[in-house]
N, C-alpha and C. Protein backbone atom coordinates (compact mmCIF):
# COMPACT_ATOMS: atom_id res chain seq x y z
N MET A 1 -14.99 50.32 -18.20
CA MET A 1 -13.49 49.44 -18.90
C MET A 1 -12.12 50.51 -17.53
N GLY A 2 -12.02 49.77 -16.55
CA GLY A 2 -11.57 49.50 -15.84
C GLY A 2 -10.04 50.27 -16.72
N LYS A 3 -9.63 50.75 -15.21
CA LYS A 3 -7.96 50.94 -15.61
C LYS A 3 -6.95 50.49 -15.44
N TYR A 4 -7.58 50.21 -14.41
CA TYR A 4 -6.09 48.80 -14.66
C TYR A 4 -6.34 47.48 -15.63
N GLN A 5 -7.19 47.63 -16.21
CA GLN A 5 -7.58 45.43 -17.38
C GLN A 5 -6.30 45.19 -18.45
N LEU A 6 -6.41 44.50 -17.77
CA LEU A 6 -5.39 43.95 -18.75
C LEU A 6 -6.06 43.14 -19.74
N ASP A 7 -5.75 42.62 -20.61
CA ASP A 7 -5.60 41.62 -21.67
C ASP A 7 -5.34 40.73 -21.74
N ASP A 8 -5.85 39.35 -22.80
CA ASP A 8 -5.42 38.13 -22.74
C ASP A 8 -4.31 38.08 -22.64
N LYS A 9 -3.05 38.19 -22.95
CA LYS A 9 -1.76 37.96 -22.60
C LYS A 9 -1.57 38.14 -21.80
N ALA A 10 -1.20 39.38 -20.97
CA ALA A 10 -1.15 39.38 -19.51
C ALA A 10 -1.80 38.55 -18.41
N GLN A 11 -3.47 39.14 -18.34
CA GLN A 11 -4.23 37.63 -17.98
C GLN A 11 -3.58 36.35 -17.63
N VAL A 12 -2.44 35.72 -18.89
CA VAL A 12 -1.83 34.52 -18.21
C VAL A 12 -0.51 34.98 -18.00
N ALA A 13 0.14 35.57 -17.84
CA ALA A 13 1.36 35.67 -17.39
C ALA A 13 0.86 35.77 -15.86
N VAL A 14 -0.38 36.60 -15.13
CA VAL A 14 -0.40 36.99 -13.70
C VAL A 14 -0.58 35.99 -13.01
N THR A 15 -1.71 35.52 -14.07
CA THR A 15 -2.46 34.15 -13.16
C THR A 15 -0.94 32.63 -13.19
N LYS A 16 0.09 32.48 -14.42
CA LYS A 16 1.56 31.65 -13.36
C LYS A 16 2.28 32.21 -13.09
N PHE A 17 2.31 33.08 -12.51
CA PHE A 17 2.93 33.84 -11.53
C PHE A 17 2.26 33.08 -9.85
N HIS A 18 1.12 34.43 -9.60
CA HIS A 18 0.24 33.51 -9.06
C HIS A 18 0.46 31.46 -8.30
N GLU A 19 0.74 31.40 -9.20
CA GLU A 19 0.88 29.81 -9.00
C GLU A 19 2.03 29.54 -8.72
N LYS A 20 2.98 30.02 -9.20
CA LYS A 20 3.94 29.47 -8.71
C LYS A 20 4.45 30.26 -7.75
N GLN A 21 3.83 31.96 -7.36
CA GLN A 21 4.29 31.77 -5.16
C GLN A 21 3.24 31.06 -4.47
N THR A 22 2.65 30.72 -4.64
CA THR A 22 1.29 29.72 -3.91
C THR A 22 2.37 29.01 -2.84
N PRO A 23 2.25 28.36 -2.74
CA PRO A 23 3.18 27.34 -2.11
C PRO A 23 2.66 25.93 -2.23
N ALA A 24 3.79 24.68 -2.35
CA ALA A 24 2.61 23.29 -1.99
C ALA A 24 1.63 23.24 -1.97
N ARG A 25 0.83 21.90 -2.25
CA ARG A 25 -0.71 22.37 -1.14
C ARG A 25 0.24 20.44 -0.56
N PHE A 26 -0.36 20.68 0.30
CA PHE A 26 0.51 19.88 1.57
C PHE A 26 -0.68 17.93 1.19
N ASP A 27 0.11 17.09 0.87
CA ASP A 27 -0.71 15.67 0.19
C ASP A 27 -0.07 15.10 1.34
N LYS A 28 -1.51 14.68 1.61
CA LYS A 28 -1.43 14.06 2.98
C LYS A 28 -1.25 12.47 2.65
N LYS A 29 -1.66 11.96 1.41
CA LYS A 29 -1.23 10.51 1.36
C LYS A 29 0.91 10.07 0.47
N LYS A 30 1.04 11.52 0.10
CA LYS A 30 2.02 10.72 -0.34
C LYS A 30 2.70 10.96 0.77
N HIS A 31 3.03 12.20 0.86
CA HIS A 31 3.52 12.16 2.84
C HIS A 31 2.69 10.63 3.81
N LEU A 32 2.70 10.04 4.03
CA LEU A 32 2.46 9.10 4.66
C LEU A 32 2.38 7.81 3.79
N GLU A 33 2.97 7.82 2.91
CA GLU A 33 3.18 7.04 2.34
C GLU A 33 4.88 6.92 1.79
N LYS A 34 5.56 8.17 1.85
CA LYS A 34 6.68 8.54 2.33
C LYS A 34 7.92 8.16 3.19
N LEU A 35 6.52 8.63 4.76
CA LEU A 35 7.04 8.31 6.11
C LEU A 35 6.92 6.65 6.06
N ARG A 36 6.10 5.86 4.90
CA ARG A 36 5.85 4.16 5.15
C ARG A 36 7.42 3.19 5.07
N THR A 37 8.10 3.81 3.91
CA THR A 37 9.03 4.12 2.81
C THR A 37 9.98 4.17 3.25
N GLU A 38 10.41 5.26 3.85
CA GLU A 38 11.30 5.38 5.52
C GLU A 38 11.75 4.24 6.45
N PHE A 39 10.55 3.80 7.08
CA PHE A 39 10.14 2.92 8.17
C PHE A 39 10.64 1.46 7.55
N LEU A 40 10.19 1.23 6.08
CA LEU A 40 10.24 0.17 6.19
C LEU A 40 11.92 0.05 5.91
N LYS A 41 12.75 0.72 5.71
CA LYS A 41 14.02 0.38 5.38
C LYS A 41 14.58 0.24 6.22
N LYS A 42 14.94 1.62 7.23
CA LYS A 42 14.89 1.53 8.47
C LYS A 42 15.23 -0.15 8.74
N LYS A 43 13.93 -0.14 9.07
CA LYS A 43 13.57 -1.78 9.60
C LYS A 43 13.78 -2.97 9.16
N GLN A 44 14.88 -2.90 7.91
CA GLN A 44 14.82 -3.85 7.15
C GLN A 44 16.28 -3.58 7.16
N LYS A 45 16.88 -2.50 7.26
CA LYS A 45 18.94 -2.79 7.51
C LYS A 45 18.62 -2.80 9.45
N GLN A 46 17.75 -3.15 9.89
CA GLN A 46 17.90 -2.95 11.53
C GLN A 46 17.73 -5.23 11.62
N THR A 47 17.23 -5.31 10.15
CA THR A 47 16.99 -6.80 10.44
C THR A 47 17.87 -7.67 9.75
N ASP A 48 18.70 -6.62 9.02
CA ASP A 48 20.09 -7.41 8.30
C ASP A 48 20.63 -7.81 8.85
N LYS A 49 21.63 -6.77 10.17
CA LYS A 49 22.32 -6.77 10.72
C LYS A 49 22.65 -8.09 11.84
């Protein structure tokens, strides 16, 4: 047995902690969709004027 071996409860807590600490993964499809909607809104405002 290791000196710092964790039980099941502690392992779950550690994994949750590390999941929160990792930065959010960059989602290219969502980012492109967001840019597209912003562009279309600007385009619509320009045509309305």
